[in-house]
Structure formats: C-alpha cells, structure tokens
Amino acid sequence: MSDSSKSKPRFGNKVLASITERIEPTPDAAPTPPAEEETVWVSFTTAVTRETYLKLKQAEYWEPAFLFKEVTEAALTKELQNYPNAEKPLPPAALEKLLRSSKKLR
C-alpha cells in the first residue's frame, strides 16, 4: 500500500468550520429559522341537517377534489370571521382548564 492510502482524510477549513459551528455555535450566529409548522388536525363531533349531510356525501362521491376536512375547515374559518371575539384569547384560567380537559389540544 502506498503512503497516500494510509494517510487520514483531510478536510478543508470550510468543512471543519461548518462542523464546529454545528457542534459549538457562536453566540453572534444568526438563529436558524424554525421548520414550517405542520398543520395539526383535531377531530370533533358536530351535527348537520339530514339534507346537508346528504349533499356532503353527494359531493364526496361526485367531486374528485372534494376533501371533507378541508371544506369543513374553510367553511368554519369563513364563518368565524363574523365573530371578532373568536380571535380574542381565552382568559388564563379558562385556557388552562381547556388544556387540562381536552386531549385534542395536547
């Protein structure tokens, strides 16, 4: 074997600096932006009229692009625009109680 095959691999300064930065970030380094949050879907039960339910099932059957949860989300989001208080945070005690009692928000 030649001496070159026995020698350790050599890395350039940029590679070493990059590895060092990942291990020991410098305090003045810009923070990496957080990964885009994934949408979390929460299932809940509600009721609609018989006629509305039938229309939903017909749309689901006949419309290839009809996705029930996306349509529900869009309709509720649009309707909630009529209720400005929906944007108002819950009081801390009410929020704490909801978080304790709802497994869906954990």
C-alpha atoms as a PDB file:
ATOM      1  CA  MET A   1       0.000   0.000   0.000  1.00  0.00           C
ATOM      2  CA  SER A   2       1.203   3.475  -0.711  1.00  0.00           C
ATOM      3  CA  ASP A   3       1.572   6.191   1.915  1.00  0.00           C
ATOM      4  CA  SER A   4      -1.379   8.117   0.468  1.00  0.00           C
ATOM      5  CA  SER A   5      -3.781   5.227   1.104  1.00  0.00           C
ATOM      6  CA  LYS A   6      -2.675   5.030   4.761  1.00  0.00           C
ATOM      7  CA  SER A   7      -2.995   8.757   5.471  1.00  0.00           C
ATOM      8  CA  LYS A   8      -6.007  10.216   7.227  1.00  0.00           C
ATOM      9  CA  PRO A   9      -8.583  12.040   5.138  1.00  0.00           C
ATOM     10  CA  ARG A  10      -8.079  15.786   5.019  1.00  0.00           C
ATOM     11  CA  PHE A  11     -10.894  18.278   5.168  1.00  0.00           C
ATOM     12  CA  GLY A  12     -10.841  21.880   4.056  1.00  0.00           C
ATOM     13  CA  ASN A  13     -11.225  24.723   6.533  1.00  0.00           C
ATOM     14  CA  LYS A  14     -14.806  25.427   5.407  1.00  0.00           C
ATOM     15  CA  VAL A  15     -15.914  21.866   6.186  1.00  0.00           C
ATOM     16  CA  LEU A  16     -14.248  21.943   9.606  1.00  0.00           C
ATOM     17  CA  ALA A  17     -15.714  25.369  10.389  1.00  0.00           C
ATOM     18  CA  SER A  18     -19.176  24.118   9.389  1.00  0.00           C
ATOM     19  CA  ILE A  19     -18.884  21.068  11.644  1.00  0.00           C
ATOM     20  CA  THR A  20     -17.574  23.165  14.529  1.00  0.00           C
ATOM     21  CA  GLU A  21     -20.424  25.660  14.096  1.00  0.00           C
ATOM     22  CA  ARG A  22     -22.987  22.853  14.353  1.00  0.00           C
ATOM     23  CA  ILE A  23     -21.344  21.480  17.478  1.00  0.00           C
ATOM     24  CA  GLU A  24     -20.460  24.780  19.161  1.00  0.00           C
ATOM     25  CA  PRO A  25     -22.483  27.613  17.603  1.00  0.00           C
ATOM     26  CA  THR A  26     -21.060  31.078  18.027  1.00  0.00           C
ATOM     27  CA  PRO A  27     -23.289  33.440  20.018  1.00  0.00           C
ATOM     28  CA  ASP A  28     -23.454  36.017  17.224  1.00  0.00           C
ATOM     29  CA  ALA A  29     -24.519  33.457  14.611  1.00  0.00           C
ATOM     30  CA  ALA A  30     -27.971  34.066  13.198  1.00  0.00           C
ATOM     31  CA  PRO A  31     -30.506  31.550  14.525  1.00  0.00           C
ATOM     32  CA  THR A  32     -31.782  29.078  12.000  1.00  0.00           C
ATOM     33  CA  PRO A  33     -35.412  29.676  11.116  1.00  0.00           C
ATOM     34  CA  PRO A  34     -37.789  27.126  12.650  1.00  0.00           C
ATOM     35  CA  ALA A  35     -39.134  24.488  10.329  1.00  0.00           C
ATOM     36  CA  GLU A  36     -42.566  25.268   8.963  1.00  0.00           C
ATOM     37  CA  GLU A  37     -45.168  24.006  11.413  1.00  0.00           C
ATOM     38  CA  GLU A  38     -47.181  21.075  10.218  1.00  0.00           C
ATOM     39  CA  THR A  39     -50.948  21.503  10.293  1.00  0.00           C
ATOM     40  CA  VAL A  40     -52.451  19.545  13.167  1.00  0.00           C
ATOM     41  CA  TRP A  41     -55.970  18.320  12.524  1.00  0.00           C
ATOM     42  CA  VAL A  42     -58.304  17.852  15.503  1.00  0.00           C
ATOM     43  CA  SER A  43     -61.350  15.670  15.124  1.00  0.00           C
ATOM     44  CA  PHE A  44     -64.583  16.818  16.755  1.00  0.00           C
ATOM     45  CA  THR A  45     -68.228  15.882  16.621  1.00  0.00           C
ATOM     46  CA  THR A  46     -70.986  18.139  15.388  1.00  0.00           C
ATOM     47  CA  ALA A  47     -74.383  17.801  13.729  1.00  0.00           C
ATOM     48  CA  VAL A  48     -75.861  18.998  10.456  1.00  0.00           C
ATOM     49  CA  THR A  49     -79.285  18.636   8.937  1.00  0.00           C
ATOM     50  CA  ARG A  50     -80.122  15.489   7.034  1.00  0.00           C
ATOM     51  CA  GLU A  51     -80.214  17.443   3.755  1.00  0.00           C
ATOM     52  CA  THR A  52     -76.770  18.948   4.343  1.00  0.00           C
ATOM     53  CA  TYR A  53     -75.336  15.553   5.215  1.00  0.00           C
ATOM     54  CA  LEU A  54     -76.725  14.073   2.005  1.00  0.00           C
ATOM     55  CA  LYS A  55     -75.229  16.931  -0.038  1.00  0.00           C
ATOM     56  CA  LEU A  56     -71.863  16.405   1.634  1.00  0.00           C
ATOM     57  CA  LYS A  57     -71.935  12.717   0.745  1.00  0.00           C
ATOM     58  CA  GLN A  58     -73.007  13.506  -2.831  1.00  0.00           C
ATOM     59  CA  ALA A  59     -70.154  15.996  -3.210  1.00  0.00           C
ATOM     60  CA  GLU A  60     -67.725  13.494  -1.705  1.00  0.00           C
ATOM     61  CA  TYR A  61     -68.869  10.864  -4.216  1.00  0.00           C
ATOM     62  CA  TRP A  62     -69.066  13.005  -7.368  1.00  0.00           C
ATOM     63  CA  GLU A  63     -66.312  15.573  -6.875  1.00  0.00           C
ATOM     64  CA  PRO A  64     -62.797  14.103  -7.077  1.00  0.00           C
ATOM     65  CA  ALA A  65     -61.236  17.151  -5.410  1.00  0.00           C
ATOM     66  CA  PHE A  66     -63.740  17.294  -2.554  1.00  0.00           C
ATOM     67  CA  LEU A  67     -61.914  16.776   0.723  1.00  0.00           C
ATOM     68  CA  PHE A  68     -64.323  16.833   3.629  1.00  0.00           C
ATOM     69  CA  LYS A  69     -61.937  18.163   6.289  1.00  0.00           C
ATOM     70  CA  GLU A  70     -60.595  20.956   4.060  1.00  0.00           C
ATOM     71  CA  VAL A  71     -64.122  22.057   3.127  1.00  0.00           C
ATOM     72  CA  THR A  72     -65.167  21.967   6.780  1.00  0.00           C
ATOM     73  CA  GLU A  73     -62.081  23.974   7.788  1.00  0.00           C
ATOM     74  CA  ALA A  74     -62.693  26.576   5.060  1.00  0.00           C
ATOM     75  CA  ALA A  75     -66.386  26.953   5.941  1.00  0.00           C
ATOM     76  CA  LEU A  76     -65.725  27.304   9.663  1.00  0.00           C
ATOM     77  CA  THR A  77     -62.847  29.736   9.131  1.00  0.00           C
ATOM     78  CA  LYS A  78     -65.032  31.884   6.863  1.00  0.00           C
ATOM     79  CA  GLU A  79     -67.928  31.850   9.348  1.00  0.00           C
ATOM     80  CA  LEU A  80     -65.637  32.664  12.293  1.00  0.00           C
ATOM     81  CA  GLN A  81     -64.753  35.950  10.573  1.00  0.00           C
ATOM     82  CA  ASN A  82     -68.245  37.067  11.641  1.00  0.00           C
ATOM     83  CA  TYR A  83     -67.274  36.602  15.284  1.00  0.00           C
ATOM     84  CA  PRO A  84     -64.435  39.000  16.212  1.00  0.00           C
ATOM     85  CA  ASN A  85     -64.236  37.518  19.720  1.00  0.00           C
ATOM     86  CA  ALA A  86     -63.054  34.241  18.163  1.00  0.00           C
ATOM     87  CA  GLU A  87     -59.666  35.992  17.793  1.00  0.00           C
ATOM     88  CA  LYS A  88     -59.658  37.055  21.442  1.00  0.00           C
ATOM     89  CA  PRO A  89     -57.528  34.738  23.620  1.00  0.00           C
ATOM     90  CA  LEU A  90     -59.224  32.868  26.427  1.00  0.00           C
ATOM     91  CA  PRO A  91     -58.574  34.108  29.961  1.00  0.00           C
ATOM     92  CA  PRO A  92     -55.641  32.174  31.501  1.00  0.00           C
ATOM     93  CA  ALA A  93     -57.863  30.161  33.872  1.00  0.00           C
ATOM     94  CA  ALA A  94     -60.260  29.131  31.076  1.00  0.00           C
ATOM     95  CA  LEU A  95     -57.369  28.239  28.772  1.00  0.00           C
ATOM     96  CA  GLU A  96     -55.688  26.182  31.490  1.00  0.00           C
ATOM     97  CA  LYS A  97     -58.942  24.312  32.182  1.00  0.00           C
ATOM     98  CA  LEU A  98     -59.443  23.619  28.461  1.00  0.00           C
ATOM     99  CA  LEU A  99     -55.872  22.384  28.026  1.00  0.00           C
ATOM    100  CA  ARG A 100     -56.253  20.100  31.055  1.00  0.00           C
ATOM    101  CA  SER A 101     -59.590  18.670  29.963  1.00  0.00           C
ATOM    102  CA  SER A 102     -59.055  18.353  26.198  1.00  0.00           C
ATOM    103  CA  LYS A 103     -56.792  15.569  24.965  1.00  0.00           C
ATOM    104  CA  LYS A 104     -57.153  17.078  21.489  1.00  0.00           C
ATOM    105  CA  LEU A 105     -55.041  20.097  22.402  1.00  0.00           C
ATOM    106  CA  ARG A 106     -52.141  18.174  23.916  1.00  0.00           C
END
